[in-house]
């Protein structure tokens, strides 16, 4: 999703000119740029989104291990202790 502003003096809503293609002179170049930077990793995705996701995401096992180590360290638990979840949102295993 992206927003393309209309040309100066045109209000996108409540203005009859806001519905004219000519009121959005940058729409075509913006769409062409987005089409150009499209990535093949994910359908309808763009490179910055794919790169951010790959840089920020961790595999499930690694993420779980890192979170477990952080919790054990912050709670002062031994690193070999098992953390058991209690409460209303206990997952099934």
Foldseek 3Di string as FASTA:
>chain_A
DDDQDFDPPDDLPPGPCNPDPNRGPCPVVVVVVQVVQCDPPDPPDGVVVVVVCVVPDDPPVVVVLVVLQVVCVVVVHPSPDDDADDDDPHDDD
